Amino acid sequence: MGAALGRKSREGHSTSGQALVEFALILPLLLVLLLGVADFGRVFQAEIVIESASRAAAEAGAIEYLRTQDIREANPGDPAYYARIHAIASRAACTEARILPNTTYAGGVCSTWPAVVVCVHDADSVDPFCDGSPATGYSDGQPNCTAMNGGWSTAEDSQSHDYVEVRLCYHFSTLFNLHLSLPFSAGISVGDLYIQPTAVFTVADY
């Protein structure tokens, strides 16, 4: 009887030890899964906010462009005039995005994130800052924000309407950094993401 009890005790320890080892093996996978779900929700929210910020910035710039038509016509191509529109649009984007982490909002200006660049597409006067240059106090996010630079022009749209284009870039940090190398040159890399939406707003010139 004593031998039987000893055997049962050893079997009990073996079973509990096996369960503990299995739990230790699966715990990291569960944590990665849970953090991945949380990050998916966070990045989805960030994309919505940044998309909204880019639209609000383009609208603010277009409204200012329309409101100041007399000034523009009296001083065609005036850099100070376009710099003001860029500043107004950039401030609108910064203010809208300030609720997100990693933003550098201070006094209505975001010195780093989100990065903002603006271009006024018109035919009568040429915006001298349609080259990916940020407004004073803002950043273009280079070298990480590749969509912010290149492909700029001051041309109107296909129906000859003036419009304001705004490109944003936001640095999103995941909850964890994961870099795994897999066989056959495959791998998983999760870390910092850069959300880069573009919004345009046509100026109502009717």
N, C-alpha and C. Protein backbone atom coordinates (compact mmCIF):
# COMPACT_ATOMS: atom_id res chain seq x y z
N MET A 1 0.83 -1.21 0.00
CA MET A 1 0.00 0.00 0.00
C MET A 1 0.86 1.25 0.00
N GLY A 2 1.95 1.23 0.78
CA GLY A 2 2.86 2.38 0.80
C GLY A 2 3.48 2.63 -0.55
N ALA A 3 3.82 1.55 -1.26
CA ALA A 3 4.41 1.70 -2.59
C ALA A 3 3.40 2.34 -3.55
N ALA A 4 2.13 1.93 -3.42
CA ALA A 4 1.08 2.48 -4.29
C ALA A 4 0.90 3.97 -4.04
N LEU A 5 0.93 4.37 -2.75
CA LEU A 5 0.80 5.78 -2.43
C LEU A 5 1.97 6.58 -2.98
N GLY A 6 3.17 6.03 -2.87
CA GLY A 6 4.34 6.71 -3.40
C GLY A 6 4.26 6.89 -4.90
N ARG A 7 3.74 5.82 -5.58
CA ARG A 7 3.61 5.90 -7.03
C ARG A 7 2.60 6.96 -7.43
N LYS A 8 1.47 7.03 -6.71
CA LYS A 8 0.46 8.05 -7.01
C LYS A 8 0.99 9.45 -6.76
N SER A 9 1.77 9.62 -5.70
CA SER A 9 2.34 10.93 -5.39
C SER A 9 3.28 11.37 -6.50
N ARG A 10 4.13 10.43 -6.98
CA ARG A 10 5.04 10.78 -8.05
C ARG A 10 4.29 11.13 -9.33
N GLU A 11 3.21 10.40 -9.59
CA GLU A 11 2.41 10.68 -10.79
C GLU A 11 1.76 12.05 -10.69
N GLY A 12 1.31 12.41 -9.47
CA GLY A 12 0.69 13.72 -9.28
C GLY A 12 1.68 14.84 -9.53
N HIS A 13 2.91 14.67 -9.01
CA HIS A 13 3.94 15.69 -9.22
C HIS A 13 4.30 15.79 -10.69
N SER A 14 4.33 14.65 -11.37
CA SER A 14 4.68 14.64 -12.80
C SER A 14 3.63 15.37 -13.63
N THR A 15 2.36 15.13 -13.30
CA THR A 15 1.28 15.78 -14.05
C THR A 15 1.29 17.29 -13.83
N SER A 16 1.44 17.72 -12.58
CA SER A 16 1.45 19.16 -12.30
C SER A 16 2.67 19.82 -12.92
N GLY A 17 3.81 19.15 -12.90
CA GLY A 17 5.01 19.70 -13.53
C GLY A 17 4.85 19.84 -15.03
N GLN A 18 4.21 18.85 -15.65
CA GLN A 18 3.97 18.90 -17.09
C GLN A 18 3.05 20.07 -17.43
N ALA A 19 2.00 20.27 -16.64
CA ALA A 19 1.07 21.38 -16.88
C ALA A 19 1.78 22.73 -16.74
N LEU A 20 2.68 22.81 -15.74
CA LEU A 20 3.41 24.05 -15.53
C LEU A 20 4.33 24.37 -16.71
N VAL A 21 4.98 23.34 -17.23
CA VAL A 21 5.86 23.53 -18.39
C VAL A 21 5.05 23.95 -19.61
N GLU A 22 3.90 23.31 -19.82
CA GLU A 22 3.04 23.65 -20.96
C GLU A 22 2.54 25.09 -20.85
N PHE A 23 2.17 25.49 -19.62
CA PHE A 23 1.71 26.87 -19.42
C PHE A 23 2.83 27.87 -19.69
N ALA A 24 4.05 27.54 -19.25
CA ALA A 24 5.19 28.43 -19.48
C ALA A 24 5.49 28.57 -20.97
N LEU A 25 5.25 27.52 -21.73
CA LEU A 25 5.49 27.56 -23.17
C LEU A 25 4.44 28.37 -23.90
N ILE A 26 3.21 28.27 -23.47
CA ILE A 26 2.11 28.93 -24.19
C ILE A 26 1.87 30.36 -23.73
N LEU A 27 2.36 30.73 -22.53
CA LEU A 27 2.13 32.07 -22.00
C LEU A 27 2.66 33.18 -22.92
N PRO A 28 3.90 33.07 -23.43
CA PRO A 28 4.36 34.13 -24.33
C PRO A 28 3.49 34.31 -25.57
N LEU A 29 3.00 33.20 -26.11
CA LEU A 29 2.12 33.29 -27.28
C LEU A 29 0.81 33.99 -26.94
N LEU A 30 0.28 33.69 -25.76
CA LEU A 30 -0.95 34.35 -25.33
C LEU A 30 -0.73 35.85 -25.13
N LEU A 31 0.39 36.21 -24.55
CA LEU A 31 0.69 37.63 -24.34
C LEU A 31 0.85 38.36 -25.67
N VAL A 32 1.55 37.74 -26.62
CA VAL A 32 1.70 38.34 -27.95
C VAL A 32 0.34 38.53 -28.60
N LEU A 33 -0.52 37.52 -28.47
CA LEU A 33 -1.86 37.60 -29.07
C LEU A 33 -2.67 38.72 -28.44
N LEU A 34 -2.66 38.82 -27.12
CA LEU A 34 -3.44 39.85 -26.44
C LEU A 34 -2.91 41.25 -26.76
N LEU A 35 -1.59 41.41 -26.75
CA LEU A 35 -1.02 42.71 -27.08
C LEU A 35 -1.26 43.07 -28.54
N GLY A 36 -1.25 42.06 -29.40
CA GLY A 36 -1.54 42.30 -30.81
C GLY A 36 -2.95 42.80 -31.02
N VAL A 37 -3.91 42.21 -30.32
CA VAL A 37 -5.30 42.67 -30.42
C VAL A 37 -5.42 44.11 -29.90
N ALA A 38 -4.75 44.39 -28.78
CA ALA A 38 -4.79 45.75 -28.22
C ALA A 38 -4.16 46.74 -29.19
N ASP A 39 -3.03 46.38 -29.80
CA ASP A 39 -2.36 47.27 -30.74
C ASP A 39 -3.20 47.51 -31.99
N PHE A 40 -3.90 46.48 -32.43
CA PHE A 40 -4.77 46.64 -33.60
C PHE A 40 -5.83 47.70 -33.34
N GLY A 41 -6.43 47.65 -32.16
CA GLY A 41 -7.43 48.66 -31.80
C GLY A 41 -6.82 50.05 -31.70
N ARG A 42 -5.62 50.14 -31.13
CA ARG A 42 -4.95 51.44 -30.98
C ARG A 42 -4.57 52.04 -32.33
N VAL A 43 -4.03 51.22 -33.22
CA VAL A 43 -3.61 51.77 -34.52
C VAL A 43 -4.83 52.13 -35.36
N PHE A 44 -5.92 51.38 -35.21
CA PHE A 44 -7.16 51.70 -35.93
C PHE A 44 -7.69 53.06 -35.48
N GLN A 45 -7.67 53.30 -34.16
CA GLN A 45 -8.11 54.59 -33.64
C GLN A 45 -7.20 55.72 -34.11
N ALA A 46 -5.88 55.46 -34.10
CA ALA A 46 -4.93 56.49 -34.54
C ALA A 46 -5.14 56.84 -36.00
N GLU A 47 -5.42 55.85 -36.84
CA GLU A 47 -5.64 56.11 -38.26
C GLU A 47 -6.89 56.97 -38.46
N ILE A 48 -7.94 56.71 -37.69
CA ILE A 48 -9.15 57.51 -37.79
C ILE A 48 -8.88 58.96 -37.40
N VAL A 49 -8.17 59.15 -36.30
CA VAL A 49 -7.88 60.50 -35.82
C VAL A 49 -7.00 61.25 -36.82
N ILE A 50 -5.97 60.60 -37.35
CA ILE A 50 -5.06 61.27 -38.27
C ILE A 50 -5.75 61.57 -39.60
N GLU A 51 -6.59 60.67 -40.07
CA GLU A 51 -7.36 60.93 -41.29
C GLU A 51 -8.26 62.15 -41.09
N SER A 52 -8.92 62.21 -39.94
CA SER A 52 -9.78 63.35 -39.63
C SER A 52 -8.98 64.64 -39.54
N ALA A 53 -7.79 64.55 -38.94
CA ALA A 53 -6.93 65.73 -38.81
C ALA A 53 -6.49 66.25 -40.17
N SER A 54 -6.17 65.36 -41.09
CA SER A 54 -5.75 65.79 -42.42
C SER A 54 -6.89 66.47 -43.17
N ARG A 55 -8.11 65.94 -43.02
CA ARG A 55 -9.27 66.56 -43.68
C ARG A 55 -9.57 67.93 -43.07
N ALA A 56 -9.50 68.02 -41.75
CA ALA A 56 -9.76 69.30 -41.08
C ALA A 56 -8.73 70.34 -41.49
N ALA A 57 -7.47 69.92 -41.64
CA ALA A 57 -6.42 70.85 -42.04
C ALA A 57 -6.63 71.35 -43.46
N ALA A 58 -6.97 70.43 -44.37
CA ALA A 58 -7.22 70.83 -45.76
C ALA A 58 -8.41 71.78 -45.86
N GLU A 59 -9.44 71.52 -45.08
CA GLU A 59 -10.61 72.40 -45.09
C GLU A 59 -10.27 73.78 -44.53
N ALA A 60 -9.51 73.80 -43.44
CA ALA A 60 -9.13 75.09 -42.84
C ALA A 60 -8.29 75.91 -43.81
N GLY A 61 -7.37 75.26 -44.51
CA GLY A 61 -6.56 75.97 -45.49
C GLY A 61 -7.38 76.49 -46.66
N ALA A 62 -8.33 75.68 -47.13
CA ALA A 62 -9.18 76.09 -48.26
C ALA A 62 -10.08 77.26 -47.88
N ILE A 63 -10.61 77.24 -46.67
CA ILE A 63 -11.47 78.33 -46.21
C ILE A 63 -10.68 79.64 -46.12
N GLU A 64 -9.46 79.55 -45.59
CA GLU A 64 -8.62 80.74 -45.50
C GLU A 64 -8.23 81.24 -46.90
N TYR A 65 -7.98 80.33 -47.80
CA TYR A 65 -7.63 80.70 -49.18
C TYR A 65 -8.80 81.43 -49.84
N LEU A 66 -10.00 80.94 -49.64
CA LEU A 66 -11.18 81.57 -50.23
C LEU A 66 -11.48 82.91 -49.56
N ARG A 67 -11.32 82.97 -48.25
CA ARG A 67 -11.64 84.19 -47.49
C ARG A 67 -10.71 85.34 -47.85
N THR A 68 -9.51 85.03 -48.26
CA THR A 68 -8.50 86.07 -48.50
C THR A 68 -8.23 86.27 -49.99
N GLN A 69 -9.24 86.10 -50.80
CA GLN A 69 -9.07 86.22 -52.26
C GLN A 69 -8.55 87.61 -52.65
N ASP A 70 -9.08 88.67 -52.03
CA ASP A 70 -8.65 90.02 -52.38
C ASP A 70 -7.16 90.23 -52.08
N ILE A 71 -6.71 89.71 -50.95
CA ILE A 71 -5.30 89.84 -50.58
C ILE A 71 -4.43 89.09 -51.59
N ARG A 72 -4.86 87.91 -51.97
CA ARG A 72 -4.08 87.10 -52.91
C ARG A 72 -3.98 87.78 -54.27
N GLU A 73 -5.09 88.34 -54.74
CA GLU A 73 -5.09 88.99 -56.05
C GLU A 73 -4.27 90.28 -56.04
N ALA A 74 -4.20 90.95 -54.89
CA ALA A 74 -3.41 92.18 -54.79
C ALA A 74 -1.92 91.89 -54.68
N ASN A 75 -1.57 90.68 -54.17
CA ASN A 75 -0.16 90.32 -53.99
C ASN A 75 0.07 88.90 -54.52
N PRO A 76 -0.03 88.69 -55.82
CA PRO A 76 0.13 87.33 -56.37
C PRO A 76 1.51 86.75 -56.09
N GLY A 77 1.49 85.51 -55.62
CA GLY A 77 2.75 84.83 -55.35
C GLY A 77 3.48 85.29 -54.11
N ASP A 78 2.81 86.03 -53.23
CA ASP A 78 3.46 86.54 -52.02
C ASP A 78 3.77 85.38 -51.07
N PRO A 79 5.04 85.13 -50.77
CA PRO A 79 5.38 84.01 -49.87
C PRO A 79 4.72 84.12 -48.49
N ALA A 80 4.61 85.33 -47.96
CA ALA A 80 4.00 85.50 -46.64
C ALA A 80 2.54 85.08 -46.64
N TYR A 81 1.86 85.31 -47.76
CA TYR A 81 0.45 84.93 -47.86
C TYR A 81 0.31 83.41 -47.78
N TYR A 82 1.12 82.70 -48.55
CA TYR A 82 1.04 81.24 -48.56
C TYR A 82 1.56 80.64 -47.26
N ALA A 83 2.54 81.28 -46.66
CA ALA A 83 3.05 80.80 -45.38
C ALA A 83 1.95 80.84 -44.32
N ARG A 84 1.08 81.86 -44.39
CA ARG A 84 -0.02 81.96 -43.44
C ARG A 84 -1.02 80.81 -43.63
N ILE A 85 -1.33 80.50 -44.89
CA ILE A 85 -2.26 79.39 -45.15
C ILE A 85 -1.67 78.07 -44.66
N HIS A 86 -0.39 77.88 -44.90
CA HIS A 86 0.28 76.66 -44.43
C HIS A 86 0.23 76.58 -42.91
N ALA A 87 0.45 77.70 -42.25
CA ALA A 87 0.43 77.71 -40.78
C ALA A 87 -0.96 77.41 -40.24
N ILE A 88 -1.99 77.95 -40.88
CA ILE A 88 -3.36 77.72 -40.43
C ILE A 88 -3.75 76.26 -40.60
N ALA A 89 -3.42 75.69 -41.76
CA ALA A 89 -3.73 74.28 -42.01
C ALA A 89 -2.95 73.37 -41.06
N SER A 90 -1.68 73.68 -40.85
CA SER A 90 -0.85 72.86 -39.96
C SER A 90 -1.36 72.92 -38.52
N ARG A 91 -1.77 74.10 -38.08
CA ARG A 91 -2.30 74.24 -36.72
C ARG A 91 -3.59 73.43 -36.55
N ALA A 92 -4.43 73.44 -37.58
CA ALA A 92 -5.68 72.67 -37.52
C ALA A 92 -5.38 71.18 -37.38
N ALA A 93 -4.40 70.68 -38.13
CA ALA A 93 -4.03 69.26 -38.04
C ALA A 93 -3.46 68.93 -36.67
N CYS A 94 -2.59 69.79 -36.18
CA CYS A 94 -1.96 69.56 -34.88
C CYS A 94 -2.99 69.55 -33.76
N THR A 95 -3.91 70.49 -33.80
CA THR A 95 -4.93 70.59 -32.76
C THR A 95 -5.84 69.37 -32.76
N GLU A 96 -6.19 68.88 -33.96
CA GLU A 96 -7.08 67.73 -34.08
C GLU A 96 -6.40 66.45 -33.58
N ALA A 97 -5.09 66.34 -33.80
CA ALA A 97 -4.37 65.11 -33.47
C ALA A 97 -3.78 65.10 -32.07
N ARG A 98 -3.95 66.16 -31.31
CA ARG A 98 -3.26 66.29 -30.03
C ARG A 98 -3.67 65.24 -29.00
N ILE A 99 -4.81 64.56 -29.22
CA ILE A 99 -5.28 63.57 -28.25
C ILE A 99 -4.49 62.27 -28.33
N LEU A 100 -3.69 62.11 -29.37
CA LEU A 100 -2.95 60.87 -29.55
C LEU A 100 -1.62 60.91 -28.79
N PRO A 101 -1.14 59.75 -28.35
CA PRO A 101 0.20 59.71 -27.75
C PRO A 101 1.26 59.99 -28.82
N ASN A 102 2.42 60.39 -28.40
CA ASN A 102 3.56 60.70 -29.27
C ASN A 102 3.44 62.06 -29.95
N THR A 103 2.30 62.74 -29.84
CA THR A 103 2.21 64.06 -30.43
C THR A 103 3.01 65.05 -29.58
N THR A 104 3.55 66.07 -30.25
CA THR A 104 4.36 67.06 -29.54
C THR A 104 3.63 68.40 -29.53
N TYR A 105 2.35 68.34 -29.17
CA TYR A 105 1.50 69.53 -29.14
C TYR A 105 1.92 70.46 -28.01
N ALA A 106 2.16 71.73 -28.36
CA ALA A 106 2.48 72.75 -27.35
C ALA A 106 2.12 74.11 -27.92
N GLY A 107 1.14 74.75 -27.31
CA GLY A 107 0.74 76.08 -27.75
C GLY A 107 0.17 76.12 -29.15
N GLY A 108 -0.48 75.03 -29.56
CA GLY A 108 -1.08 74.99 -30.89
C GLY A 108 -0.15 74.55 -31.99
N VAL A 109 1.10 74.23 -31.66
CA VAL A 109 2.09 73.82 -32.66
C VAL A 109 2.62 72.43 -32.30
N CYS A 110 2.86 71.60 -33.31
CA CYS A 110 3.46 70.28 -33.11
C CYS A 110 4.83 70.28 -33.77
N SER A 111 5.87 70.34 -32.96
CA SER A 111 7.22 70.49 -33.51
C SER A 111 7.72 69.23 -34.21
N THR A 112 7.18 68.07 -33.82
CA THR A 112 7.65 66.82 -34.44
C THR A 112 6.50 65.97 -34.97
N TRP A 113 5.58 65.58 -34.07
CA TRP A 113 4.46 64.71 -34.49
C TRP A 113 3.12 65.32 -34.12
N PRO A 114 2.16 65.29 -35.04
CA PRO A 114 2.31 64.78 -36.41
C PRO A 114 3.10 65.73 -37.29
N ALA A 115 3.83 65.16 -38.23
CA ALA A 115 4.50 65.97 -39.25
C ALA A 115 3.44 66.43 -40.24
N VAL A 116 3.56 67.68 -40.71
CA VAL A 116 2.53 68.26 -41.59
C VAL A 116 3.21 69.01 -42.73
N VAL A 117 2.76 68.75 -43.95
CA VAL A 117 3.17 69.57 -45.10
C VAL A 117 1.92 69.91 -45.90
N VAL A 118 1.92 71.10 -46.49
CA VAL A 118 0.73 71.65 -47.15
C VAL A 118 1.11 72.17 -48.53
N CYS A 119 0.16 72.12 -49.45
CA CYS A 119 0.36 72.71 -50.78
C CYS A 119 -0.96 73.30 -51.26
N VAL A 120 -0.91 74.54 -51.74
CA VAL A 120 -2.08 75.18 -52.35
C VAL A 120 -1.95 75.03 -53.86
N HIS A 121 -2.87 74.32 -54.44
CA HIS A 121 -2.86 74.09 -55.89
C HIS A 121 -3.70 75.17 -56.56
N ASP A 122 -3.06 76.11 -57.20
CA ASP A 122 -3.78 77.16 -57.91
C ASP A 122 -3.02 77.53 -59.18
N ALA A 123 -3.69 78.19 -60.09
CA ALA A 123 -3.08 78.55 -61.37
C ALA A 123 -2.70 80.02 -61.41
N ASP A 124 -3.46 80.87 -60.73
CA ASP A 124 -3.22 82.31 -60.79
C ASP A 124 -1.93 82.69 -60.08
N SER A 125 -1.70 82.12 -58.92
CA SER A 125 -0.48 82.38 -58.15
C SER A 125 0.13 81.05 -57.78
N VAL A 126 1.44 80.99 -57.74
CA VAL A 126 2.12 79.73 -57.46
C VAL A 126 2.57 79.71 -56.00
N ASP A 127 2.14 78.69 -55.29
CA ASP A 127 2.55 78.51 -53.90
C ASP A 127 4.05 78.17 -53.87
N PRO A 128 4.89 79.04 -53.30
CA PRO A 128 6.33 78.78 -53.31
C PRO A 128 6.77 77.66 -52.36
N PHE A 129 5.83 77.17 -51.53
CA PHE A 129 6.18 76.15 -50.55
C PHE A 129 5.63 74.77 -50.92
N CYS A 130 5.25 74.60 -52.18
CA CYS A 130 4.76 73.29 -52.63
C CYS A 130 5.94 72.38 -52.98
N ASP A 131 6.80 72.16 -52.03
CA ASP A 131 7.97 71.33 -52.26
C ASP A 131 8.22 70.38 -51.09
N GLY A 132 7.20 70.23 -50.24
CA GLY A 132 7.36 69.37 -49.06
C GLY A 132 7.94 70.07 -47.86
N SER A 133 8.06 71.41 -47.94
CA SER A 133 8.60 72.17 -46.81
C SER A 133 7.51 72.36 -45.75
N PRO A 134 7.79 72.07 -44.49
CA PRO A 134 6.79 72.29 -43.44
C PRO A 134 6.70 73.75 -43.06
N ALA A 135 5.58 74.12 -42.44
CA ALA A 135 5.43 75.48 -41.92
C ALA A 135 6.39 75.68 -40.76
N THR A 136 6.65 76.92 -40.43
CA THR A 136 7.55 77.24 -39.33
C THR A 136 7.05 76.62 -38.03
N GLY A 137 7.93 75.89 -37.36
CA GLY A 137 7.58 75.24 -36.10
C GLY A 137 7.13 73.80 -36.25
N TYR A 138 7.01 73.33 -37.51
CA TYR A 138 6.54 71.97 -37.77
C TYR A 138 7.65 71.15 -38.43
N SER A 139 7.39 69.87 -38.59
CA SER A 139 8.38 68.95 -39.16
C SER A 139 7.80 68.24 -40.37
N ASP A 140 8.70 67.79 -41.28
CA ASP A 140 8.25 66.98 -42.41
C ASP A 140 8.41 65.49 -42.13
N GLY A 141 8.94 65.14 -40.96
CA GLY A 141 9.02 63.74 -40.56
C GLY A 141 10.06 62.90 -41.27
N GLN A 142 10.90 63.51 -42.07
CA GLN A 142 11.91 62.74 -42.80
C GLN A 142 12.97 62.21 -41.81
N PRO A 143 13.56 61.04 -42.07
CA PRO A 143 13.44 60.20 -43.26
C PRO A 143 12.37 59.13 -43.16
N ASN A 144 11.66 59.05 -42.06
CA ASN A 144 10.68 57.97 -41.87
C ASN A 144 9.39 58.18 -42.64
N CYS A 145 9.04 59.43 -42.90
CA CYS A 145 7.76 59.73 -43.57
C CYS A 145 8.01 59.94 -45.07
N THR A 146 8.16 58.86 -45.78
CA THR A 146 8.54 58.92 -47.19
C THR A 146 7.46 59.53 -48.08
N ALA A 147 6.20 59.44 -47.67
CA ALA A 147 5.11 59.96 -48.50
C ALA A 147 5.01 61.48 -48.44
N MET A 148 5.75 62.09 -47.54
CA MET A 148 5.66 63.54 -47.39
C MET A 148 6.43 64.29 -48.47
N ASN A 149 7.36 63.62 -49.08
CA ASN A 149 8.22 64.29 -50.04
C ASN A 149 8.05 63.65 -51.42
N GLY A 150 8.10 64.46 -52.46
CA GLY A 150 7.99 63.95 -53.82
C GLY A 150 6.59 64.04 -54.37
N GLY A 151 6.51 64.22 -55.67
CA GLY A 151 5.22 64.25 -56.34
C GLY A 151 4.44 65.54 -56.15
N TRP A 152 5.11 66.61 -55.73
CA TRP A 152 4.40 67.87 -55.50
C TRP A 152 4.28 68.65 -56.81
N SER A 153 3.16 69.33 -56.97
CA SER A 153 2.96 70.26 -58.08
C SER A 153 1.93 71.28 -57.63
N THR A 154 1.84 72.38 -58.37
CA THR A 154 0.85 73.40 -58.03
C THR A 154 -0.33 73.38 -58.98
N ALA A 155 -0.42 72.35 -59.82
CA ALA A 155 -1.50 72.28 -60.82
C ALA A 155 -2.86 72.14 -60.15
N GLU A 156 -3.88 72.70 -60.81
CA GLU A 156 -5.25 72.54 -60.34
C GLU A 156 -5.74 71.13 -60.66
N ASP A 157 -6.97 70.82 -60.23
CA ASP A 157 -7.49 69.49 -60.53
C ASP A 157 -7.96 69.42 -61.98
N SER A 158 -8.52 68.28 -62.37
CA SER A 158 -8.88 68.06 -63.77
C SER A 158 -9.97 69.00 -64.26
N GLN A 159 -10.72 69.61 -63.34
CA GLN A 159 -11.79 70.54 -63.71
C GLN A 159 -11.38 71.98 -63.45
N SER A 160 -10.09 72.21 -63.34
CA SER A 160 -9.53 73.55 -63.15
C SER A 160 -10.03 74.22 -61.87
N HIS A 161 -10.15 73.44 -60.80
CA HIS A 161 -10.52 73.98 -59.49
C HIS A 161 -9.27 74.08 -58.62
N ASP A 162 -9.18 75.18 -57.90
CA ASP A 162 -8.11 75.30 -56.91
C ASP A 162 -8.41 74.38 -55.73
N TYR A 163 -7.37 73.85 -55.10
CA TYR A 163 -7.59 73.01 -53.92
C TYR A 163 -6.35 73.02 -53.03
N VAL A 164 -6.59 72.64 -51.79
CA VAL A 164 -5.52 72.58 -50.79
C VAL A 164 -5.25 71.11 -50.47
N GLU A 165 -3.99 70.74 -50.51
CA GLU A 165 -3.57 69.37 -50.21
C GLU A 165 -2.76 69.36 -48.91
N VAL A 166 -3.08 68.42 -48.06
CA VAL A 166 -2.37 68.28 -46.78
C VAL A 166 -1.90 66.84 -46.63
N ARG A 167 -0.64 66.67 -46.33
CA ARG A 167 -0.08 65.35 -46.04
C ARG A 167 0.38 65.32 -44.60
N LEU A 168 -0.04 64.28 -43.89
CA LEU A 168 0.32 64.11 -42.48
C LEU A 168 1.13 62.84 -42.31
N CYS A 169 1.92 62.82 -41.27
CA CYS A 169 2.65 61.61 -40.88
C CYS A 169 2.65 61.54 -39.36
N TYR A 170 2.24 60.40 -38.84
CA TYR A 170 2.17 60.22 -37.39
C TYR A 170 2.97 58.98 -36.98
N HIS A 171 3.79 59.15 -35.98
CA HIS A 171 4.61 58.05 -35.44
C HIS A 171 3.81 57.28 -34.40
N PHE A 172 3.46 56.04 -34.74
CA PHE A 172 2.69 55.19 -33.82
C PHE A 172 3.62 54.15 -33.22
N SER A 173 3.65 54.08 -31.90
CA SER A 173 4.48 53.09 -31.21
C SER A 173 3.62 51.95 -30.71
N THR A 174 3.99 50.73 -31.07
CA THR A 174 3.25 49.56 -30.61
C THR A 174 3.59 49.29 -29.14
N LEU A 175 2.79 48.44 -28.52
CA LEU A 175 3.00 48.12 -27.11
C LEU A 175 4.27 47.29 -26.90
N PHE A 176 4.69 46.60 -27.92
CA PHE A 176 5.92 45.82 -27.80
C PHE A 176 6.63 45.80 -29.16
N ASN A 177 7.94 45.62 -29.11
CA ASN A 177 8.73 45.48 -30.32
C ASN A 177 9.06 44.01 -30.51
N LEU A 178 8.68 43.49 -31.67
CA LEU A 178 8.89 42.07 -31.95
C LEU A 178 9.61 41.93 -33.27
N HIS A 179 10.76 41.27 -33.25
CA HIS A 179 11.53 41.03 -34.46
C HIS A 179 11.96 39.56 -34.45
N LEU A 180 11.31 38.75 -35.26
CA LEU A 180 11.58 37.32 -35.31
C LEU A 180 12.09 36.94 -36.69
N SER A 181 13.14 36.15 -36.72
CA SER A 181 13.65 35.63 -37.98
C SER A 181 13.12 34.21 -38.15
N LEU A 182 12.53 33.94 -39.31
CA LEU A 182 11.95 32.63 -39.59
C LEU A 182 12.71 31.99 -40.75
N PRO A 183 12.54 30.70 -40.92
CA PRO A 183 13.23 30.01 -42.02
C PRO A 183 12.82 30.57 -43.39
N PHE A 184 13.64 30.30 -44.39
CA PHE A 184 13.39 30.69 -45.78
C PHE A 184 13.33 32.22 -45.93
N SER A 185 14.18 32.91 -45.20
CA SER A 185 14.29 34.38 -45.28
C SER A 185 13.00 35.10 -44.89
N ALA A 186 12.14 34.45 -44.16
CA ALA A 186 10.90 35.08 -43.69
C ALA A 186 11.12 35.63 -42.28
N GLY A 187 10.19 36.43 -41.84
CA GLY A 187 10.31 36.98 -40.50
C GLY A 187 9.11 37.83 -40.13
N ILE A 188 9.04 38.17 -38.87
CA ILE A 188 7.99 39.03 -38.35
C ILE A 188 8.66 40.22 -37.69
N SER A 189 8.24 41.40 -38.07
CA SER A 189 8.81 42.61 -37.48
C SER A 189 7.68 43.56 -37.10
N VAL A 190 7.52 43.79 -35.82
CA VAL A 190 6.48 44.69 -35.32
C VAL A 190 7.16 45.71 -34.41
N GLY A 191 6.97 46.96 -34.70
CA GLY A 191 7.58 48.00 -33.89
C GLY A 191 6.91 49.33 -34.14
N ASP A 192 7.67 50.30 -34.61
CA ASP A 192 7.14 51.62 -34.88
C ASP A 192 6.48 51.67 -36.26
N LEU A 193 5.32 52.29 -36.32
CA LEU A 193 4.58 52.45 -37.57
C LEU A 193 4.44 53.94 -37.87
N TYR A 194 4.36 54.27 -39.15
CA TYR A 194 4.20 55.66 -39.57
C TYR A 194 2.95 55.77 -40.45
N ILE A 195 1.91 56.38 -39.88
CA ILE A 195 0.64 56.54 -40.59
C ILE A 195 0.72 57.81 -41.42
N GLN A 196 0.44 57.70 -42.73
CA GLN A 196 0.69 58.82 -43.64
C GLN A 196 -0.51 59.07 -44.57
N PRO A 197 -1.54 59.72 -44.08
CA PRO A 197 -2.70 60.02 -44.93
C PRO A 197 -2.50 61.32 -45.72
N THR A 198 -3.25 61.45 -46.81
CA THR A 198 -3.28 62.67 -47.61
C THR A 198 -4.74 63.07 -47.79
N ALA A 199 -5.01 64.36 -47.62
CA ALA A 199 -6.37 64.88 -47.80
C ALA A 199 -6.33 66.11 -48.70
N VAL A 200 -7.37 66.26 -49.50
CA VAL A 200 -7.50 67.45 -50.35
C VAL A 200 -8.87 68.07 -50.12
N PHE A 201 -8.94 69.38 -50.27
CA PHE A 201 -10.21 70.09 -50.11
C PHE A 201 -10.29 71.14 -51.23
N THR A 202 -11.31 70.98 -52.06
CA THR A 202 -11.48 71.87 -53.21
C THR A 202 -12.05 73.20 -52.76
N VAL A 203 -11.50 74.29 -53.32
CA VAL A 203 -11.96 75.63 -52.97
C VAL A 203 -13.23 75.93 -53.77
N ALA A 204 -14.28 76.31 -53.05
CA ALA A 204 -15.56 76.64 -53.71
C ALA A 204 -15.41 78.00 -54.39
N ASP A 205 -15.24 77.99 -55.71
CA ASP A 205 -15.00 79.23 -56.43
C ASP A 205 -16.15 79.60 -57.35
N TYR A 206 -17.35 79.13 -57.01
CA TYR A 206 -18.50 79.48 -57.84
C TYR A 206 -19.04 80.86 -57.48
